[in-house]
N, C-alpha and C. Protein backbone atom coordinates (compact mmCIF):
# COMPACT_ATOMS: atom_id res chain seq x y z
N MET A 1 -115.75 40.00 -8.28
CA MET A 1 -115.84 38.99 -9.15
C MET A 1 -116.26 37.59 -8.54
N SER A 2 -116.69 36.66 -9.36
CA SER A 2 -117.06 35.44 -8.73
C SER A 2 -115.84 34.53 -8.52
N ASP A 3 -115.89 33.54 -7.67
CA ASP A 3 -114.89 32.66 -7.31
C ASP A 3 -114.82 31.52 -8.31
N GLU A 4 -115.82 31.35 -9.07
CA GLU A 4 -115.91 30.16 -10.05
C GLU A 4 -114.85 30.46 -11.15
N LYS A 5 -114.00 29.53 -11.35
CA LYS A 5 -113.01 29.57 -12.46
C LYS A 5 -113.55 28.82 -13.68
N PRO A 6 -113.40 29.26 -14.76
CA PRO A 6 -113.89 28.45 -16.00
C PRO A 6 -112.99 27.31 -16.31
N THR A 7 -113.54 26.21 -16.62
CA THR A 7 -112.77 25.07 -17.07
C THR A 7 -112.38 25.15 -18.56
N ARG A 8 -111.54 24.25 -18.99
CA ARG A 8 -111.07 24.33 -20.41
C ARG A 8 -112.29 23.93 -21.26
N ARG A 9 -113.10 22.99 -20.83
CA ARG A 9 -114.32 22.63 -21.50
C ARG A 9 -115.27 23.85 -21.73
N ASP A 10 -115.36 24.61 -20.72
CA ASP A 10 -116.21 25.94 -20.83
C ASP A 10 -115.64 26.87 -21.91
N ILE A 11 -114.32 26.91 -21.90
CA ILE A 11 -113.75 27.95 -22.72
C ILE A 11 -113.67 27.38 -24.22
N LEU A 12 -113.55 26.04 -24.41
CA LEU A 12 -113.48 25.52 -25.78
C LEU A 12 -114.70 24.80 -26.29
N ARG A 13 -115.83 25.54 -26.11
CA ARG A 13 -117.23 24.95 -26.61
C ARG A 13 -117.13 24.90 -28.11
N PRO A 14 -117.79 23.78 -28.68
CA PRO A 14 -117.76 23.73 -30.24
C PRO A 14 -118.59 24.82 -30.85
N LEU A 15 -119.65 25.33 -30.25
CA LEU A 15 -120.44 26.29 -30.79
C LEU A 15 -119.69 27.59 -30.92
N HIS A 16 -118.89 27.79 -29.91
CA HIS A 16 -117.97 29.14 -30.01
C HIS A 16 -116.99 29.01 -31.21
N LEU A 17 -116.46 27.82 -31.18
CA LEU A 17 -115.48 27.63 -32.30
C LEU A 17 -116.09 27.80 -33.75
N LEU A 18 -117.33 27.36 -33.88
CA LEU A 18 -118.06 27.46 -35.09
C LEU A 18 -118.41 28.96 -35.37
N GLY A 19 -118.76 29.63 -34.37
CA GLY A 19 -118.94 31.09 -34.35
C GLY A 19 -117.75 31.89 -34.77
N ILE A 20 -116.60 31.57 -34.33
CA ILE A 20 -115.36 32.15 -34.70
C ILE A 20 -115.01 31.95 -36.11
N ALA A 21 -115.15 30.62 -36.53
CA ALA A 21 -114.96 30.34 -37.96
C ALA A 21 -115.96 30.98 -38.87
N LEU A 22 -117.24 31.20 -38.55
CA LEU A 22 -118.20 31.81 -39.23
C LEU A 22 -117.89 33.25 -39.42
N ALA A 23 -117.39 33.98 -38.34
CA ALA A 23 -117.16 35.28 -38.43
C ALA A 23 -115.87 35.61 -39.32
N CYS A 24 -114.98 34.64 -39.30
CA CYS A 24 -113.76 34.78 -40.23
C CYS A 24 -114.21 34.59 -41.64
N GLY A 25 -115.13 33.68 -41.94
CA GLY A 25 -115.62 33.45 -43.26
C GLY A 25 -116.42 34.70 -43.74
N VAL A 26 -117.22 35.19 -42.97
CA VAL A 26 -118.06 36.35 -43.40
C VAL A 26 -117.20 37.64 -43.66
N PHE A 27 -116.22 37.77 -42.76
CA PHE A 27 -115.17 38.83 -43.01
C PHE A 27 -114.42 38.76 -44.30
N ALA A 28 -113.94 37.45 -44.51
CA ALA A 28 -113.26 37.31 -45.88
C ALA A 28 -114.26 37.46 -46.99
N ALA A 29 -115.42 37.08 -46.94
CA ALA A 29 -116.43 37.29 -47.93
C ALA A 29 -116.71 38.67 -48.20
N VAL A 30 -116.84 39.47 -47.20
CA VAL A 30 -117.11 40.86 -47.34
C VAL A 30 -115.97 41.65 -47.88
N VAL A 31 -114.74 41.29 -47.45
CA VAL A 31 -113.52 41.96 -48.06
C VAL A 31 -113.46 41.55 -49.53
N THR A 32 -113.74 40.39 -49.94
CA THR A 32 -113.66 39.97 -51.24
C THR A 32 -114.65 40.81 -52.01
N LEU A 33 -115.90 40.82 -51.55
CA LEU A 33 -116.96 41.63 -52.32
C LEU A 33 -116.59 43.10 -52.49
N VAL A 34 -116.03 43.77 -51.42
CA VAL A 34 -115.68 45.10 -51.59
C VAL A 34 -114.51 45.29 -52.52
N SER A 35 -113.52 44.38 -52.39
CA SER A 35 -112.39 44.54 -53.29
C SER A 35 -112.50 44.19 -54.72
N THR A 36 -113.61 43.44 -55.07
CA THR A 36 -113.97 43.06 -56.49
C THR A 36 -114.86 44.06 -57.11
N GLY A 37 -115.36 45.02 -56.30
CA GLY A 37 -116.28 45.99 -56.81
C GLY A 37 -117.69 45.44 -56.93
N ALA A 38 -118.11 44.64 -56.13
CA ALA A 38 -119.46 44.06 -56.26
C ALA A 38 -120.62 44.97 -56.11
N PHE A 39 -120.27 46.09 -55.44
CA PHE A 39 -121.33 47.16 -55.18
C PHE A 39 -121.14 48.42 -56.07
N THR A 40 -120.40 48.25 -56.98
CA THR A 40 -120.25 49.36 -57.98
C THR A 40 -121.29 49.19 -59.22
N ALA A 41 -121.77 50.25 -59.86
CA ALA A 41 -122.72 50.27 -60.87
C ALA A 41 -121.96 49.63 -62.21
N ARG A 42 -120.71 49.95 -62.43
CA ARG A 42 -120.07 49.37 -63.56
C ARG A 42 -120.04 47.83 -63.56
N VAL A 43 -119.69 47.31 -62.45
CA VAL A 43 -119.59 45.81 -62.49
C VAL A 43 -121.00 45.24 -62.58
N ASN A 44 -122.04 45.78 -61.82
CA ASN A 44 -123.39 45.25 -61.81
C ASN A 44 -124.02 45.43 -63.28
N SER A 45 -123.73 46.51 -63.99
CA SER A 45 -124.18 46.66 -65.36
C SER A 45 -123.50 45.70 -66.30
N ALA A 46 -122.24 45.44 -66.09
CA ALA A 46 -121.55 44.42 -66.93
C ALA A 46 -122.11 43.03 -66.69
N ILE A 47 -122.46 42.66 -65.49
CA ILE A 47 -123.16 41.39 -65.21
C ILE A 47 -124.51 41.34 -65.77
N ALA A 48 -125.25 42.38 -65.68
CA ALA A 48 -126.66 42.36 -66.26
C ALA A 48 -126.66 42.38 -67.72
N ASN A 49 -125.58 42.88 -68.37
CA ASN A 49 -125.62 42.89 -69.96
C ASN A 49 -124.88 41.61 -70.40
N GLY A 50 -124.28 40.86 -69.56
CA GLY A 50 -123.71 39.59 -69.94
C GLY A 50 -122.25 39.58 -70.50
N THR A 51 -121.61 40.88 -70.24
CA THR A 51 -120.28 41.06 -70.72
C THR A 51 -119.28 40.97 -69.70
N TYR A 52 -119.60 40.47 -68.46
CA TYR A 52 -118.64 40.32 -67.46
C TYR A 52 -118.05 38.94 -67.59
N ASP A 53 -116.64 38.85 -67.86
CA ASP A 53 -115.97 37.61 -67.91
C ASP A 53 -115.51 37.12 -66.59
N GLY A 54 -115.57 35.80 -66.44
CA GLY A 54 -115.19 35.13 -65.22
C GLY A 54 -116.29 34.96 -64.13
N LEU A 55 -115.72 34.60 -63.02
CA LEU A 55 -116.73 34.37 -61.85
C LEU A 55 -117.15 35.74 -61.35
N THR A 56 -118.42 35.80 -61.07
CA THR A 56 -119.05 37.05 -60.56
C THR A 56 -118.49 37.30 -59.12
N PRO A 57 -118.55 38.50 -58.80
CA PRO A 57 -117.99 38.98 -57.50
C PRO A 57 -118.67 38.22 -56.24
N ILE A 58 -120.02 37.98 -56.39
CA ILE A 58 -120.78 37.41 -55.35
C ILE A 58 -120.42 35.95 -55.28
N ALA A 59 -120.31 35.24 -56.42
CA ALA A 59 -119.82 33.88 -56.36
C ALA A 59 -118.40 33.70 -55.86
N LEU A 60 -117.66 34.66 -56.23
CA LEU A 60 -116.22 34.68 -55.72
C LEU A 60 -116.16 34.88 -54.26
N GLY A 61 -116.96 35.79 -53.78
CA GLY A 61 -117.06 36.02 -52.37
C GLY A 61 -117.53 34.85 -51.52
N LEU A 62 -118.49 34.13 -52.09
CA LEU A 62 -118.90 32.86 -51.44
C LEU A 62 -117.90 31.80 -51.35
N VAL A 63 -117.11 31.67 -52.53
CA VAL A 63 -116.07 30.72 -52.49
C VAL A 63 -114.89 31.14 -51.43
N VAL A 64 -114.54 32.34 -51.51
CA VAL A 64 -113.50 32.76 -50.59
C VAL A 64 -114.03 32.65 -49.10
N GLY A 65 -115.24 33.09 -48.87
CA GLY A 65 -115.74 32.91 -47.56
C GLY A 65 -115.81 31.57 -47.02
N GLY A 66 -116.39 30.72 -47.95
CA GLY A 66 -116.45 29.27 -47.57
C GLY A 66 -115.11 28.61 -47.29
N GLY A 67 -114.12 29.03 -48.14
CA GLY A 67 -112.68 28.49 -47.88
C GLY A 67 -112.09 29.08 -46.66
N ALA A 68 -112.46 30.27 -46.24
CA ALA A 68 -111.84 30.88 -45.01
C ALA A 68 -112.61 30.24 -43.86
N PHE A 69 -113.81 29.87 -43.93
CA PHE A 69 -114.64 29.13 -42.91
C PHE A 69 -113.96 27.76 -42.64
N ILE A 70 -113.72 27.14 -43.70
CA ILE A 70 -113.20 25.67 -43.52
C ILE A 70 -111.77 25.71 -42.98
N VAL A 71 -110.97 26.61 -43.49
CA VAL A 71 -109.61 26.70 -43.07
C VAL A 71 -109.56 27.04 -41.67
N THR A 72 -110.36 28.10 -41.20
CA THR A 72 -110.35 28.44 -39.80
C THR A 72 -110.84 27.41 -38.87
N LEU A 73 -111.89 26.65 -39.35
CA LEU A 73 -112.43 25.47 -38.49
C LEU A 73 -111.36 24.42 -38.40
N LEU A 74 -110.65 24.13 -39.42
CA LEU A 74 -109.62 23.04 -39.40
C LEU A 74 -108.49 23.54 -38.47
N PHE A 75 -108.14 24.83 -38.62
CA PHE A 75 -107.07 25.30 -37.78
C PHE A 75 -107.40 25.28 -36.33
N LEU A 76 -108.59 25.59 -35.94
CA LEU A 76 -109.04 25.71 -34.50
C LEU A 76 -109.20 24.17 -33.92
N ALA A 77 -109.57 23.28 -34.91
CA ALA A 77 -109.67 21.82 -34.49
C ALA A 77 -108.44 21.32 -34.14
N MET A 78 -107.36 21.71 -34.99
CA MET A 78 -105.97 21.23 -34.75
C MET A 78 -105.42 21.75 -33.44
N LEU A 79 -105.76 22.94 -33.18
CA LEU A 79 -105.43 23.64 -31.83
C LEU A 79 -106.07 22.85 -30.65
N ILE A 80 -107.29 22.52 -30.80
CA ILE A 80 -108.07 21.78 -29.79
C ILE A 80 -107.39 20.34 -29.53
N LEU A 81 -106.79 19.69 -30.54
CA LEU A 81 -106.05 18.46 -30.38
C LEU A 81 -104.88 18.58 -29.51
N VAL A 82 -104.31 19.79 -29.32
CA VAL A 82 -103.15 19.85 -28.53
C VAL A 82 -103.48 19.86 -26.94
N VAL A 83 -104.69 20.08 -26.64
CA VAL A 83 -105.06 20.15 -25.34
C VAL A 83 -105.20 18.72 -24.77
N ASP A 84 -104.54 18.45 -23.63
CA ASP A 84 -104.60 17.11 -22.96
C ASP A 84 -105.92 17.01 -22.36
N PRO A 85 -106.60 15.72 -22.73
CA PRO A 85 -107.99 15.42 -22.22
C PRO A 85 -108.02 15.37 -20.72
N ALA A 86 -106.91 15.02 -20.07
CA ALA A 86 -106.90 14.92 -18.60
C ALA A 86 -106.93 16.35 -18.01
N GLU A 87 -106.48 17.44 -18.76
CA GLU A 87 -106.58 18.81 -18.25
C GLU A 87 -107.88 19.60 -18.55
N VAL A 88 -108.84 18.84 -19.16
CA VAL A 88 -110.06 19.57 -19.67
C VAL A 88 -110.86 20.03 -18.44
N THR A 89 -110.82 19.13 -17.38
CA THR A 89 -111.76 19.49 -16.17
C THR A 89 -111.17 20.32 -15.24
N LYS A 90 -109.72 20.55 -15.46
CA LYS A 90 -109.01 21.41 -14.50
C LYS A 90 -109.39 22.88 -14.67
N THR A 91 -109.44 23.60 -13.59
CA THR A 91 -109.77 25.06 -13.71
C THR A 91 -108.55 25.83 -14.08
N VAL A 92 -108.77 26.98 -14.86
CA VAL A 92 -107.75 27.89 -15.34
C VAL A 92 -107.65 29.07 -14.30
N ASP A 93 -106.60 28.96 -13.45
CA ASP A 93 -106.48 30.07 -12.56
C ASP A 93 -105.23 30.85 -12.64
N ARG A 94 -104.51 30.58 -13.72
CA ARG A 94 -103.17 31.29 -13.98
C ARG A 94 -103.18 31.34 -15.55
N PRO A 95 -102.24 32.23 -15.95
CA PRO A 95 -102.04 32.27 -17.49
C PRO A 95 -101.43 30.96 -18.01
N VAL A 96 -101.94 30.56 -19.09
CA VAL A 96 -101.72 29.16 -19.65
C VAL A 96 -100.15 29.02 -19.97
N LEU A 97 -99.64 30.19 -20.65
CA LEU A 97 -98.25 29.95 -21.13
C LEU A 97 -97.14 30.11 -20.03
N TYR A 98 -97.51 30.36 -18.66
CA TYR A 98 -96.45 30.47 -17.64
C TYR A 98 -96.14 29.03 -17.28
N ASP A 99 -94.84 28.90 -16.66
CA ASP A 99 -94.38 27.69 -16.19
C ASP A 99 -95.17 27.22 -15.09
N ALA A 100 -95.28 25.88 -14.67
CA ALA A 100 -96.09 25.53 -13.57
C ALA A 100 -95.50 25.88 -12.33
N GLU A 101 -94.18 26.02 -12.24
CA GLU A 101 -93.53 26.54 -11.01
C GLU A 101 -92.81 27.71 -11.42
N THR A 102 -92.77 28.73 -10.51
CA THR A 102 -91.97 29.93 -10.74
C THR A 102 -90.78 29.85 -9.87
N PRO A 103 -89.49 29.65 -10.48
CA PRO A 103 -88.39 29.40 -9.58
C PRO A 103 -87.93 30.79 -9.06
N ASP A 104 -87.67 30.69 -7.71
CA ASP A 104 -87.28 31.98 -7.01
C ASP A 104 -85.71 32.01 -7.06
N GLU A 105 -85.05 30.87 -7.16
CA GLU A 105 -83.64 30.80 -7.12
C GLU A 105 -83.07 30.32 -8.48
N PRO A 106 -81.94 30.55 -8.83
CA PRO A 106 -81.25 29.99 -10.04
C PRO A 106 -81.21 28.42 -9.94
N ASP A 107 -81.15 27.80 -11.04
CA ASP A 107 -81.16 26.33 -11.18
C ASP A 107 -79.86 25.85 -10.47
N ALA A 108 -78.75 26.63 -10.38
CA ALA A 108 -77.60 26.03 -9.80
C ALA A 108 -77.62 25.85 -8.26
N ASP A 109 -78.43 26.59 -7.57
CA ASP A 109 -78.66 26.52 -6.27
C ASP A 109 -79.60 25.56 -5.73
N LYS A 110 -80.33 24.90 -6.58
CA LYS A 110 -81.32 23.88 -6.21
C LYS A 110 -80.72 22.63 -5.97
N PRO A 111 -81.04 21.90 -4.99
CA PRO A 111 -80.34 20.58 -4.66
C PRO A 111 -80.84 19.50 -5.70
N GLY A 112 -79.87 18.65 -6.07
CA GLY A 112 -80.13 17.62 -7.15
C GLY A 112 -79.75 18.15 -8.52
N ARG A 113 -79.30 19.25 -8.66
CA ARG A 113 -79.02 19.73 -10.03
C ARG A 113 -77.53 19.46 -10.26
N ALA A 114 -77.18 19.51 -11.49
CA ALA A 114 -75.79 19.21 -11.92
C ALA A 114 -74.77 20.25 -11.54
N GLY A 115 -75.35 21.46 -11.28
CA GLY A 115 -74.52 22.67 -11.04
C GLY A 115 -74.18 22.82 -9.66
N SER A 116 -75.01 22.01 -8.76
CA SER A 116 -74.74 22.14 -7.20
C SER A 116 -73.45 21.54 -6.79
N ALA A 117 -73.05 21.99 -5.59
CA ALA A 117 -71.81 21.27 -5.12
C ALA A 117 -72.03 20.14 -4.19
């Protein structure tokens, strides 16, 4: 493996975030199209005859897909706001959710703690 560690800026590129949001929107649109029967002959003939009431499955898929895209993009943008700008240039060389220090001893044994004698 290479010795270069990715920075947070490399990990959180805006184009990647747009790609993730687009993938979520397309997935939601496809699931909506399949679940509303957009590919069935019965629904397509009802639309062609003008007897289909309500929003067509394709329009509904576009609405749901667009909504999922926007919601995912806003959610990811809110998660980006959590990152401290001073830490953007630091390299990621350990799991993010681990503590900065791994204590080898219990807290009571450390000097300066309330539990020490």
